[in-house]
Amino acid sequence: MTGLRWGILATGGIAAAFAADLRTAGLDLVAVGSRSQDSADAFAARFGIPRAHGSYEALAADPDVDIVYVATPHPMHAADARLALEHGKHALVEKAFTVNAAEAEGLRALAAEKGLLVMEAMWTRYLPHMARIREIIAAGTLGEIRAVSADHTQSLPTDPAHRINALELGGGALLDLGIYPISFVWDVLGAPTAVKAVGRLLDNGADAEVATVMTHGGGAVSTTLSSSRGAGANAAAIVGTKARIEIDRVWYAPTTFRVTATDGTVIEEFDGAVDGRGMQFQARAAERFVTEGTLDSDLLPVAESVAIMACLDEIRAQIGVRYPSETA
């Protein structure tokens, strides 16, 4: 354990999941901040957190906090991460990193100026089954990778005021769900050389479904699908000239996968089950990057988070989604 002291900014569902996994991993969770003292007190009592702050400013100013996990809705990520950085705190920012590439670049630049870590909380990249998949790819077991596919489809609330549907809160399938498969194909194939996207929009302009077809280096292709209106297989596959990897439901959480040769022989079966949800792996990684002084992720460098946000900007431009917080 590196000894970094964690503060959590916001008290919603994802904040609770992260707090639970920090406790599972025995990491040092010392403070929580909310816009309401009552909410902060209740969250602190639930997770045994010593200090509860009734404002985000008070959390950021807490001298006993080293690193802040930002768990607010998408449009608030940039301002809340900036608040932490300006108070000298490292920041782990819930995915999607921001709402657009301009905000993401602003955070990257500020962290570099301050000599601090800012990191996107794409927890999937740090899970054991994903680490093993990278080893298999590096060993050449799959041969030349030609295609990657992944979906993230859920049946979520249809209430227009719900966060998932509210455009002013960054609502829509892309930032909440689509970020997972898109980040995954970047991880496996690298940045796309061309992006094509289609989508279906709700009456308020938020995206309910988004599908992408992208080409990557060497001509490899990827396909992704995200939807907030129906629960699909939530599986993923990596297809190579010698073998394929099929990741089971739910591919972006701790799960199992198989490596199968082109003749049908099963080469490997892997069980990636862990204690808790698995968010502790990204937290441990963040602590390592700070302790080692690299101040950047080896699995998802902040420059890549900025580039992925630019890719999401392009996808939104193609399907016609714009957030109210974005200026003309």
Protein backbone atom coordinates (compact mmCIF):
# COMPACT_ATOMS: atom_id res chain seq x y z
CA MET A 1 0.00 0.00 0.00
CA THR A 2 1.39 3.34 -1.03
CA GLY A 3 -0.28 5.40 1.65
CA LEU A 4 -2.18 7.83 -0.57
CA ARG A 5 -5.25 9.25 1.14
CA TRP A 6 -8.41 9.23 -0.97
CA GLY A 7 -11.26 11.70 -1.06
CA ILE A 8 -14.47 11.08 -3.00
CA LEU A 9 -16.20 14.01 -4.68
CA ALA A 10 -19.98 13.34 -4.93
CA THR A 11 -22.12 10.67 -3.31
CA GLY A 12 -24.07 8.97 -6.12
CA GLY A 13 -24.16 5.34 -7.18
CA ILE A 14 -20.75 5.20 -8.87
CA ALA A 15 -19.17 6.93 -5.86
CA ALA A 16 -20.66 4.26 -3.60
CA ALA A 17 -19.33 1.47 -5.80
CA PHE A 18 -15.86 3.01 -5.75
CA ALA A 19 -15.94 3.51 -1.98
CA ALA A 20 -16.93 -0.12 -1.46
CA ASP A 21 -14.05 -1.34 -3.62
CA LEU A 22 -11.56 0.92 -1.85
CA ARG A 23 -12.68 -0.64 1.42
CA THR A 24 -12.42 -4.15 -0.08
CA ALA A 25 -8.86 -3.42 -1.15
CA GLY A 26 -7.88 -1.84 2.18
CA LEU A 27 -7.01 1.51 0.60
CA ASP A 28 -7.08 4.68 2.67
CA LEU A 29 -10.41 6.47 2.19
CA VAL A 30 -10.37 9.50 4.47
CA ALA A 31 -12.93 12.03 3.20
CA VAL A 32 -16.04 12.60 1.13
CA GLY A 33 -17.53 15.81 -0.24
CA SER A 34 -21.08 16.57 -1.31
CA ARG A 35 -23.13 19.64 -2.15
CA SER A 36 -25.12 18.85 1.01
CA GLN A 37 -23.75 18.18 4.48
CA ASP A 38 -26.51 15.66 5.16
CA SER A 39 -25.59 13.66 2.07
CA ALA A 40 -21.90 13.74 2.96
CA ASP A 41 -22.66 12.64 6.54
CA ALA A 42 -24.81 9.73 5.38
CA PHE A 43 -22.19 8.57 2.87
CA ALA A 44 -19.43 8.84 5.46
CA ALA A 45 -21.43 6.82 7.96
CA ARG A 46 -22.17 4.14 5.37
CA PHE A 47 -18.51 3.60 4.47
CA GLY A 48 -16.79 4.53 7.73
CA ILE A 49 -15.15 7.66 6.32
CA PRO A 50 -13.60 9.93 8.98
CA ARG A 51 -14.43 13.34 7.44
CA ALA A 52 -17.55 14.53 5.62
CA HIS A 53 -17.53 17.87 3.81
CA GLY A 54 -20.65 19.80 2.83
CA SER A 55 -19.05 21.25 -0.31
CA TYR A 56 -16.69 20.13 -3.05
CA GLU A 57 -14.47 23.11 -2.27
CA ALA A 58 -14.02 21.94 1.32
CA LEU A 59 -13.08 18.44 0.15
CA ALA A 60 -10.53 19.81 -2.32
CA ALA A 61 -9.05 22.02 0.39
CA ASP A 62 -8.74 19.18 2.94
CA PRO A 63 -5.00 18.96 3.76
CA ASP A 64 -5.30 15.25 4.60
CA VAL A 65 -6.48 14.30 1.09
CA ASP A 66 -3.87 13.37 -1.53
CA ILE A 67 -6.04 12.20 -4.42
CA VAL A 68 -9.67 12.90 -5.36
CA TYR A 69 -12.03 10.60 -7.21
CA VAL A 70 -14.42 12.77 -9.25
CA ALA A 71 -17.83 11.07 -9.48
CA THR A 72 -20.14 13.86 -10.65
CA PRO A 73 -22.16 13.81 -13.94
CA HIS A 74 -20.20 14.25 -17.18
CA PRO A 75 -20.60 18.02 -17.67
CA MET A 76 -19.18 18.67 -14.19
CA HIS A 77 -16.05 16.51 -14.61
CA ALA A 78 -13.84 19.26 -16.01
CA ALA A 79 -14.70 21.86 -13.37
CA ASP A 80 -14.56 19.41 -10.47
CA ALA A 81 -11.27 17.85 -11.56
CA ARG A 82 -9.87 21.34 -12.07
CA LEU A 83 -10.93 22.21 -8.51
CA ALA A 84 -8.98 19.24 -7.17
CA LEU A 85 -5.90 19.99 -9.30
CA GLU A 86 -5.88 23.65 -8.34
CA HIS A 87 -5.80 22.60 -4.69
CA GLY A 88 -2.79 20.37 -5.35
CA LYS A 89 -4.67 17.07 -5.40
CA HIS A 90 -4.21 14.29 -7.90
CA ALA A 91 -7.46 13.43 -9.70
CA LEU A 92 -9.05 10.19 -10.90
CA VAL A 93 -11.93 11.33 -13.10
CA GLU A 94 -14.90 9.09 -13.82
CA LYS A 95 -15.40 8.15 -17.45
CA ALA A 96 -16.17 9.61 -19.87
CA PHE A 97 -13.24 11.86 -18.97
CA THR A 98 -15.07 15.09 -19.95
CA VAL A 99 -17.81 16.00 -22.45
CA ASN A 100 -15.41 16.95 -25.26
CA ALA A 101 -11.78 17.04 -26.28
CA ALA A 102 -11.30 20.74 -25.47
CA GLU A 103 -12.20 20.16 -21.82
CA ALA A 104 -10.00 17.05 -21.72
CA GLU A 105 -7.02 18.93 -23.11
CA GLY A 106 -7.56 21.64 -20.50
CA LEU A 107 -7.26 19.08 -17.70
CA ARG A 108 -4.20 17.48 -19.28
CA ALA A 109 -2.47 20.85 -19.52
CA LEU A 110 -3.35 21.89 -15.97
CA ALA A 111 -2.13 18.61 -14.48
CA ALA A 112 1.15 18.92 -16.38
CA GLU A 113 1.56 22.50 -15.16
CA LYS A 114 0.90 21.46 -11.55
CA GLY A 115 2.98 18.28 -11.67
CA LEU A 116 -0.03 16.15 -10.74
CA LEU A 117 -1.72 13.00 -11.96
CA VAL A 118 -5.01 13.34 -13.81
CA MET A 119 -6.37 10.02 -15.02
CA GLU A 120 -9.57 8.78 -16.60
CA ALA A 121 -11.33 6.18 -14.45
CA MET A 122 -11.78 3.64 -17.24
CA TRP A 123 -11.63 0.83 -14.71
CA THR A 124 -12.06 -1.92 -17.32
CA ARG A 125 -8.52 -1.45 -18.62
CA TYR A 126 -7.06 -2.39 -15.24
CA LEU A 127 -9.01 -5.62 -14.65
CA PRO A 128 -7.18 -8.99 -14.50
CA HIS A 129 -8.85 -10.46 -17.57
CA MET A 130 -7.86 -7.43 -19.64
CA ALA A 131 -4.27 -7.72 -18.42
CA ARG A 132 -4.21 -11.36 -19.52
CA ILE A 133 -5.71 -10.48 -22.92
CA ARG A 134 -2.90 -7.99 -23.52
CA GLU A 135 -0.34 -10.70 -22.70
CA ILE A 136 -1.96 -13.10 -25.17
CA ILE A 137 -1.97 -10.48 -27.92
CA ALA A 138 1.66 -9.54 -27.22
CA ALA A 139 2.68 -13.22 -27.43
CA GLY A 140 1.31 -13.41 -30.97
CA THR A 141 -1.19 -16.14 -30.09
CA LEU A 142 -3.91 -14.52 -32.19
CA GLY A 143 -1.71 -13.84 -35.18
CA GLU A 144 -2.53 -10.62 -36.99
CA ILE A 145 -5.62 -9.00 -35.47
CA ARG A 146 -8.16 -8.22 -38.17
CA ALA A 147 -11.36 -7.31 -36.30
CA VAL A 148 -12.67 -6.27 -32.89
CA SER A 149 -16.32 -6.04 -31.86
CA ALA A 150 -17.94 -4.99 -28.59
CA ASP A 151 -21.33 -3.80 -27.38
CA HIS A 152 -22.66 -2.12 -24.28
CA THR A 153 -26.43 -2.22 -24.24
CA GLN A 154 -28.69 -1.77 -21.22
CA SER A 155 -32.37 -1.23 -20.53
CA LEU A 156 -32.23 2.01 -18.57
CA PRO A 157 -34.94 4.38 -17.28
CA THR A 158 -36.94 6.21 -19.95
CA ASP A 159 -37.88 9.19 -17.77
CA PRO A 160 -36.70 12.28 -19.73
CA ALA A 161 -35.47 13.86 -16.49
CA HIS A 162 -33.26 10.89 -15.62
CA ARG A 163 -29.53 11.55 -15.93
CA ILE A 164 -29.14 8.99 -18.72
CA ASN A 165 -31.61 10.93 -20.89
CA ALA A 166 -31.00 14.55 -19.84
CA LEU A 167 -28.90 16.23 -22.51
CA GLU A 168 -27.84 18.97 -20.09
CA LEU A 169 -26.23 16.26 -17.93
CA GLY A 170 -24.39 14.69 -20.85
CA GLY A 171 -27.17 12.14 -21.18
CA GLY A 172 -27.36 9.62 -23.97
CA ALA A 173 -25.85 6.23 -24.68
CA LEU A 174 -22.48 7.46 -25.96
CA LEU A 175 -20.85 8.98 -22.87
CA ASP A 176 -22.33 6.50 -20.41
CA LEU A 177 -22.18 3.26 -22.39
CA GLY A 178 -20.44 3.76 -25.73
CA ILE A 179 -17.25 4.98 -24.09
CA TYR A 180 -16.56 1.39 -22.92
CA PRO A 181 -16.42 -0.40 -26.30
CA ILE A 182 -14.81 2.59 -28.02
CA SER A 183 -12.03 2.75 -25.43
CA PHE A 184 -11.67 -1.04 -25.73
CA VAL A 185 -11.07 -1.01 -29.48
CA TRP A 186 -8.53 1.81 -29.01
CA ASP A 187 -6.77 -0.39 -26.44
CA VAL A 188 -6.56 -3.34 -28.82
CA LEU A 189 -6.13 -1.68 -32.23
CA GLY A 190 -4.97 1.85 -31.44
CA ALA A 191 -6.42 5.07 -32.79
CA PRO A 192 -8.78 4.74 -35.74
CA THR A 193 -7.82 6.08 -39.14
CA ALA A 194 -11.46 6.55 -40.15
CA VAL A 195 -14.74 6.70 -38.19
CA LYS A 196 -18.29 6.17 -39.38
CA ALA A 197 -21.21 6.44 -36.96
CA VAL A 198 -24.99 6.19 -37.02
CA GLY A 199 -27.43 6.77 -34.19
CA ARG A 200 -31.03 7.21 -33.12
CA LEU A 201 -31.89 10.30 -31.13
CA LEU A 202 -34.62 10.87 -28.58
CA ASP A 203 -37.03 13.79 -28.88
CA ASN A 204 -34.74 15.95 -26.73
CA GLY A 205 -31.71 15.27 -28.93
CA ALA A 206 -29.96 12.74 -26.68
CA ASP A 207 -28.72 9.54 -28.32
CA ALA A 208 -30.52 6.29 -27.49
CA GLU A 209 -28.45 4.09 -29.81
CA VAL A 210 -25.05 4.60 -31.43
CA ALA A 211 -23.16 2.24 -33.70
CA THR A 212 -19.67 2.76 -35.09
CA VAL A 213 -17.50 1.18 -37.77
CA MET A 214 -13.87 2.22 -37.60
CA THR A 215 -10.72 1.28 -39.49
CA HIS A 216 -7.37 1.11 -37.74
CA GLY A 217 -3.71 0.64 -38.57
CA GLY A 218 -3.03 -2.14 -41.07
CA GLY A 219 -6.64 -2.09 -42.22
CA ALA A 220 -8.10 -3.80 -39.16
CA VAL A 221 -11.73 -2.95 -38.48
CA SER A 222 -13.82 -2.49 -35.34
CA THR A 223 -17.54 -2.32 -34.68
CA THR A 224 -19.26 -1.04 -31.55
CA LEU A 225 -22.87 -0.72 -30.45
CA SER A 226 -24.33 1.10 -27.46
CA SER A 227 -27.97 1.45 -26.45
CA SER A 228 -29.85 2.67 -23.38
CA ARG A 229 -33.13 1.09 -24.49
CA GLY A 230 -32.43 -2.64 -24.51
CA ALA A 231 -30.10 -5.13 -22.84
CA GLY A 232 -28.06 -7.16 -25.30
CA ALA A 233 -25.33 -9.75 -25.02
CA ASN A 234 -22.67 -7.29 -23.77
CA ALA A 235 -19.97 -9.51 -25.20
CA ALA A 236 -16.78 -8.72 -27.09
CA ALA A 237 -14.49 -10.50 -29.53
CA ILE A 238 -11.00 -10.06 -30.91
CA VAL A 239 -10.44 -11.95 -34.16
CA GLY A 240 -6.97 -12.77 -35.43
CA THR A 241 -5.56 -14.83 -38.28
CA LYS A 242 -4.53 -17.66 -35.91
CA ALA A 243 -7.10 -17.50 -33.11
CA ARG A 244 -9.85 -15.43 -31.52
CA ILE A 245 -10.73 -14.24 -28.02
CA GLU A 246 -14.38 -14.25 -26.98
CA ILE A 247 -15.09 -12.30 -23.78
CA ASP A 248 -18.24 -13.33 -21.97
CA ARG A 249 -21.05 -11.24 -20.54
CA VAL A 250 -20.35 -8.76 -19.12
CA TRP A 251 -17.12 -8.19 -21.02
CA TYR A 252 -16.23 -4.81 -19.43
CA ALA A 253 -16.53 -6.14 -15.85
CA PRO A 254 -14.60 -9.01 -14.20
CA THR A 255 -15.54 -12.07 -16.28
CA THR A 256 -14.33 -15.06 -18.26
CA PHE A 257 -12.97 -15.48 -21.77
CA ARG A 258 -11.79 -18.18 -24.15
CA VAL A 259 -9.02 -18.28 -26.70
CA THR A 260 -9.96 -20.51 -29.64
CA ALA A 261 -7.73 -21.45 -32.57
CA THR A 262 -9.03 -21.25 -36.12
CA ASP A 263 -9.48 -25.06 -36.13
CA GLY A 264 -11.77 -24.82 -33.08
CA THR A 265 -9.23 -25.95 -30.49
CA VAL A 266 -9.65 -24.12 -27.18
CA ILE A 267 -6.20 -22.82 -26.30
CA GLU A 268 -7.03 -21.16 -22.99
CA GLU A 269 -9.94 -20.41 -20.68
CA PHE A 270 -9.53 -17.60 -18.17
CA ASP A 271 -11.64 -16.71 -15.14
CA GLY A 272 -11.18 -13.09 -14.08
CA ALA A 273 -13.45 -13.10 -11.02
CA VAL A 274 -12.38 -10.68 -8.28
CA ASP A 275 -13.64 -9.45 -4.93
CA GLY A 276 -16.04 -6.54 -5.32
CA ARG A 277 -16.77 -4.78 -8.57
CA GLY A 278 -13.11 -4.43 -9.52
CA MET A 279 -12.66 -0.65 -9.33
CA GLN A 280 -9.84 -1.11 -6.83
CA PHE A 281 -7.42 -2.06 -9.60
CA GLN A 282 -7.55 1.40 -11.18
CA ALA A 283 -7.16 2.97 -7.72
CA ARG A 284 -4.06 0.90 -7.01
CA ALA A 285 -2.69 1.82 -10.43
CA ALA A 286 -3.24 5.53 -9.75
CA GLU A 287 -1.38 5.22 -6.46
CA ARG A 288 1.50 3.49 -8.26
CA PHE A 289 1.75 6.23 -10.90
CA VAL A 290 1.96 8.85 -8.15
CA THR A 291 4.41 6.90 -6.00
CA GLU A 292 6.70 6.08 -8.93
CA GLY A 293 6.56 9.68 -10.12
CA THR A 294 5.39 8.85 -13.66
CA LEU A 295 2.20 10.89 -13.08
CA ASP A 296 0.52 9.21 -16.05
CA SER A 297 -1.14 5.89 -16.76
CA ASP A 298 0.77 3.25 -18.69
CA LEU A 299 -2.52 1.67 -19.81
CA LEU A 300 -4.49 4.82 -20.61
CA PRO A 301 -2.22 7.89 -20.85
CA VAL A 302 -4.05 11.17 -20.45
CA ALA A 303 -3.13 12.09 -24.03
CA GLU A 304 -5.05 9.01 -25.18
CA SER A 305 -8.06 10.04 -23.08
CA VAL A 306 -7.96 13.41 -24.86
CA ALA A 307 -7.76 11.67 -28.25
CA ILE A 308 -10.66 9.36 -27.40
CA MET A 309 -12.75 12.39 -26.45
CA ALA A 310 -11.93 13.84 -29.88
CA CYS A 311 -13.17 10.59 -31.42
CA LEU A 312 -16.41 10.88 -29.43
CA ASP A 313 -16.70 14.49 -30.65
CA GLU A 314 -16.52 13.22 -34.23
CA ILE A 315 -19.11 10.53 -33.55
CA ARG A 316 -21.46 13.13 -32.05
CA ALA A 317 -20.94 15.41 -35.03
CA GLN A 318 -21.92 12.58 -37.36
CA ILE A 319 -25.09 11.66 -35.45
CA GLY A 320 -26.06 15.24 -34.56
CA VAL A 321 -25.65 15.40 -30.76
CA ARG A 322 -24.58 18.61 -29.03
CA TYR A 323 -24.61 19.33 -25.29
CA PRO A 324 -26.04 22.60 -23.93
CA SER A 325 -22.80 23.29 -22.06
CA GLU A 326 -20.86 23.51 -25.32
CA THR A 327 -20.51 26.96 -26.83
CA ALA A 328 -21.33 27.62 -30.47
